[in-house]
Amino acid sequence: MIGGRVGGCQSVLHGLMPDAKIRAPIRIAPNNIGCSAMTQVTNTASTLEQLDALSIDEAQSLSFKERDGLLDLIIAEGRHEATDSVSFRTGMYTDYFDEDMTRMLKVRAIKVYVRGTTSSNFDGEVVGDNFMDQYRACFRHVQTTLTAARTSYSRVVNMVIFLTNMDNWEKFNEVFREFVPHPPCRAVIGTTGLASSPLVIEIVDCFAYRVAD
């Protein structure tokens, strides 16, 4: 048997005399000194710091569950107040939202825009016997659309809403808080009328995110 070392590994030649021609196959055996098995590194990230450390390709190879959880962190960090002062508006909306395009790209985020929505059903009939019922019906309709788009109110970052009676401001905000857990950037505008006279609310603009599969 002739022995030698190749690239830090033990090589063994079987069945050969010292002066014989090499005909037998060469077997390379690890000797636990210079050789080790190849292992595949799996990237993982559960914090924004870990996400920032990954390349775009590495981040996009994360599991859907990881990217989905990271999206919530990205959105939460993107919400900002313009001042630390507490006012009557605190908790009703966010002053501005920073869209971190690099992080959004890494988690494969998708923008979702919801059409203008009122309290009317698919037959065109207004849902609700009073303005509070209409408010809730309108928010439920948007919720249905967000669910179909595989996102939710918790990932909404901007809303524009028309009301026909701004005297119902406090009641409107009461319903708003029932549905929207994290106040987005928001504008509520008074108008003299909507598509039909019984309507009292229209969510004109609703913008959210989700992650791709």
Protein backbone atom coordinates (compact mmCIF):
# COMPACT_ATOMS: atom_id res chain seq x y z
CA MET A 1 0.00 0.00 0.00
CA ILE A 2 1.29 3.43 -0.92
CA GLY A 3 0.19 6.37 1.18
CA GLY A 4 0.46 10.07 0.64
CA ARG A 5 -1.27 13.39 1.34
CA VAL A 6 -3.28 15.37 -1.20
CA GLY A 7 -4.51 18.86 -0.26
CA GLY A 8 -4.37 18.10 3.46
CA CYS A 9 -6.20 14.77 3.11
CA GLN A 10 -4.95 11.21 3.48
CA SER A 11 -4.71 9.32 0.17
CA VAL A 12 -4.44 5.55 0.07
CA LEU A 13 -3.49 3.42 -2.95
CA HIS A 14 -4.51 -0.21 -2.59
CA GLY A 15 -2.90 -3.33 -4.02
CA LEU A 16 0.23 -1.73 -5.47
CA MET A 17 3.89 -2.55 -5.25
CA PRO A 18 6.25 0.40 -4.99
CA ASP A 19 7.33 0.00 -8.62
CA ALA A 20 3.90 -0.87 -10.03
CA LYS A 21 2.01 1.32 -12.44
CA ILE A 22 -0.97 3.07 -10.91
CA ARG A 23 -4.10 1.39 -12.25
CA ALA A 24 -6.35 1.15 -9.20
CA PRO A 25 -8.75 3.97 -8.29
CA ILE A 26 -7.61 6.43 -5.67
CA ARG A 27 -9.72 6.76 -2.53
CA ILE A 28 -9.58 10.07 -0.70
CA ALA A 29 -10.45 9.71 2.96
CA PRO A 30 -10.86 12.63 5.39
CA ASN A 31 -8.46 12.53 8.33
CA ASN A 32 -10.30 15.11 10.48
CA ILE A 33 -7.29 17.42 10.27
CA GLY A 34 -7.36 19.28 7.00
CA CYS A 35 -10.65 18.10 5.51
CA SER A 36 -14.24 18.65 6.52
CA ALA A 37 -17.62 18.00 4.93
CA MET A 38 -19.19 20.82 2.95
CA THR A 39 -22.13 22.36 4.79
CA GLN A 40 -24.79 24.63 3.33
CA VAL A 41 -25.25 27.88 5.22
CA THR A 42 -28.89 28.82 5.73
CA ASN A 43 -29.60 32.50 6.24
CA THR A 44 -32.06 33.59 8.89
CA ALA A 45 -33.28 36.94 10.14
CA SER A 46 -35.81 37.95 12.78
CA THR A 47 -34.66 41.54 13.44
CA LEU A 48 -34.06 44.54 11.21
CA GLU A 49 -30.37 44.50 12.17
CA GLN A 50 -30.07 40.94 10.88
CA LEU A 51 -31.98 41.89 7.73
CA ASP A 52 -29.66 44.83 7.08
CA ALA A 53 -26.64 42.51 7.31
CA LEU A 54 -27.93 40.31 4.46
CA SER A 55 -27.53 40.98 0.77
CA ILE A 56 -30.68 41.39 -1.32
CA ASP A 57 -30.34 37.85 -2.73
CA GLU A 58 -29.76 36.37 0.73
CA ALA A 59 -32.72 38.23 2.21
CA GLN A 60 -35.07 37.28 -0.61
CA SER A 61 -34.22 33.61 -0.02
CA LEU A 62 -35.63 33.80 3.52
CA SER A 63 -38.81 31.88 4.22
CA PHE A 64 -42.19 33.54 3.72
CA LYS A 65 -42.80 33.47 7.48
CA GLU A 66 -39.54 35.31 8.18
CA ARG A 67 -40.11 37.93 5.49
CA ASP A 68 -43.71 38.38 6.63
CA GLY A 69 -42.62 39.05 10.20
CA LEU A 70 -39.90 41.43 9.07
CA LEU A 71 -42.43 43.44 7.05
CA ASP A 72 -44.33 44.26 10.23
CA LEU A 73 -41.09 45.53 11.79
CA ILE A 74 -40.27 47.63 8.72
CA ILE A 75 -43.71 49.25 8.72
CA ALA A 76 -43.61 49.89 12.47
CA GLU A 77 -40.21 51.59 12.20
CA GLY A 78 -41.39 53.65 9.24
CA ARG A 79 -44.18 55.37 11.21
CA HIS A 80 -43.13 58.70 12.73
CA GLU A 81 -44.55 61.61 14.68
CA ALA A 82 -43.39 65.10 13.77
CA THR A 83 -43.19 66.13 17.43
CA ASP A 84 -43.06 64.53 20.87
CA SER A 85 -45.87 66.79 22.06
CA VAL A 86 -49.14 65.05 22.94
CA SER A 87 -52.25 66.56 21.34
CA PHE A 88 -55.87 65.67 20.68
CA ARG A 89 -54.68 64.03 17.45
CA THR A 90 -52.31 61.60 19.20
CA GLY A 91 -53.25 58.01 18.39
CA MET A 92 -55.50 59.05 15.50
CA TYR A 93 -52.92 59.12 12.73
CA THR A 94 -49.20 59.03 11.94
CA ASP A 95 -47.59 62.28 10.82
CA TYR A 96 -45.41 60.67 8.15
CA PHE A 97 -44.21 57.30 6.90
CA ASP A 98 -40.69 56.48 5.70
CA GLU A 99 -40.69 53.84 2.97
CA ASP A 100 -37.31 52.08 3.24
CA MET A 101 -37.02 50.84 -0.33
CA THR A 102 -34.00 48.63 0.32
CA ARG A 103 -35.65 46.78 3.18
CA MET A 104 -38.92 46.51 1.25
CA LEU A 105 -37.02 45.00 -1.68
CA LYS A 106 -35.24 42.53 0.60
CA VAL A 107 -38.50 41.11 2.01
CA ARG A 108 -40.16 41.24 -1.44
CA ALA A 109 -42.85 43.66 -0.31
CA ILE A 110 -45.77 44.41 -2.62
CA LYS A 111 -47.87 47.59 -2.56
CA VAL A 112 -51.63 47.16 -2.33
CA TYR A 113 -53.99 49.98 -3.35
CA VAL A 114 -57.68 49.67 -2.46
CA ARG A 115 -60.31 51.38 -4.61
CA GLY A 116 -62.76 53.93 -3.26
CA THR A 117 -65.25 52.14 -1.02
CA THR A 118 -68.59 53.15 0.50
CA SER A 119 -71.09 51.35 2.71
CA SER A 120 -73.14 50.14 -0.27
CA ASN A 121 -73.26 46.44 -1.10
CA PHE A 122 -72.83 44.75 -4.49
CA ASP A 123 -76.46 45.51 -5.33
CA GLY A 124 -75.87 49.20 -4.76
CA GLU A 125 -77.96 49.26 -1.61
CA VAL A 126 -76.68 51.26 1.36
CA VAL A 127 -75.86 49.02 4.33
CA GLY A 128 -76.86 50.44 7.71
CA ASP A 129 -79.84 52.23 9.22
CA ASN A 130 -77.75 55.06 10.70
CA PHE A 131 -74.39 56.74 10.17
CA MET A 132 -72.57 54.51 12.70
CA ASP A 133 -73.77 51.39 10.90
CA GLN A 134 -72.63 52.90 7.60
CA TYR A 135 -69.20 53.68 9.03
CA ARG A 136 -68.74 50.10 10.20
CA ALA A 137 -70.08 48.65 6.94
CA CYS A 138 -67.64 50.76 4.94
CA PHE A 139 -64.67 49.66 7.05
CA ARG A 140 -65.80 46.03 6.80
CA HIS A 141 -65.95 46.29 2.99
CA VAL A 142 -62.37 47.59 2.91
CA GLN A 143 -61.35 44.85 5.33
CA THR A 144 -62.77 42.26 2.93
CA THR A 145 -60.73 43.73 0.08
CA LEU A 146 -57.54 43.82 2.17
CA THR A 147 -58.05 40.19 3.15
CA ALA A 148 -58.54 39.21 -0.50
CA ALA A 149 -55.26 41.01 -1.26
CA ARG A 150 -53.59 39.05 1.57
CA THR A 151 -52.94 42.01 3.83
CA SER A 152 -54.75 43.78 6.69
CA TYR A 153 -55.46 47.10 8.40
CA SER A 154 -52.32 46.62 10.50
CA ARG A 155 -50.26 47.11 7.33
CA VAL A 156 -52.11 50.15 6.01
CA VAL A 157 -49.86 53.22 5.88
CA ASN A 158 -52.13 55.82 4.27
CA MET A 159 -55.87 56.54 4.11
CA VAL A 160 -58.06 59.31 2.70
CA ILE A 161 -61.70 59.39 3.86
CA PHE A 162 -64.69 61.56 2.93
CA LEU A 163 -67.50 62.25 5.42
CA THR A 164 -70.72 64.09 4.63
CA ASN A 165 -71.12 65.31 8.21
CA MET A 166 -68.03 66.39 10.14
CA ASP A 167 -70.19 66.86 13.24
CA ASN A 168 -69.86 63.08 13.62
CA TRP A 169 -66.06 63.39 13.93
CA GLU A 170 -65.77 61.77 17.36
CA LYS A 171 -68.09 58.91 16.46
CA PHE A 172 -66.17 58.33 13.26
CA ASN A 173 -62.89 58.09 15.16
CA GLU A 174 -64.49 55.63 17.55
CA VAL A 175 -65.27 53.29 14.63
CA PHE A 176 -61.89 53.97 13.05
CA ARG A 177 -60.10 52.72 16.16
CA GLU A 178 -62.23 49.56 16.17
CA PHE A 179 -60.77 48.50 12.82
CA VAL A 180 -57.36 50.14 12.47
CA PRO A 181 -54.90 49.05 15.19
CA HIS A 182 -51.96 51.20 14.08
CA PRO A 183 -52.95 54.69 12.91
CA PRO A 184 -51.60 55.36 9.40
CA CYS A 185 -51.06 58.70 7.71
CA ARG A 186 -54.63 59.89 7.30
CA ALA A 187 -56.78 62.66 5.88
CA VAL A 188 -60.49 63.00 6.69
CA ILE A 189 -62.31 65.47 4.44
CA GLY A 190 -65.81 66.88 4.72
CA THR A 191 -67.92 66.82 1.56
CA THR A 192 -71.43 67.91 0.65
CA GLY A 193 -72.31 64.63 -0.99
CA LEU A 194 -71.18 61.27 -2.37
CA ALA A 195 -72.39 59.01 -5.20
CA SER A 196 -75.90 58.83 -3.73
CA SER A 197 -77.62 60.90 -1.06
CA PRO A 198 -77.96 58.19 1.63
CA LEU A 199 -74.18 57.60 1.71
CA VAL A 200 -72.32 59.30 4.55
CA ILE A 201 -68.78 57.89 4.14
CA GLU A 202 -66.32 56.86 1.45
CA ILE A 203 -62.81 55.55 2.02
CA VAL A 204 -61.30 57.09 -1.09
CA ASP A 205 -57.73 55.89 -0.68
CA CYS A 206 -56.23 53.00 1.27
CA PHE A 207 -52.62 51.93 0.75
CA ALA A 208 -51.04 48.87 2.38
CA TYR A 209 -48.24 46.31 1.96
CA ARG A 210 -47.88 42.55 1.84
CA VAL A 211 -45.01 40.19 0.99
CA ALA A 212 -44.75 38.06 -2.12
CA ASP A 213 -44.91 34.28 -1.82
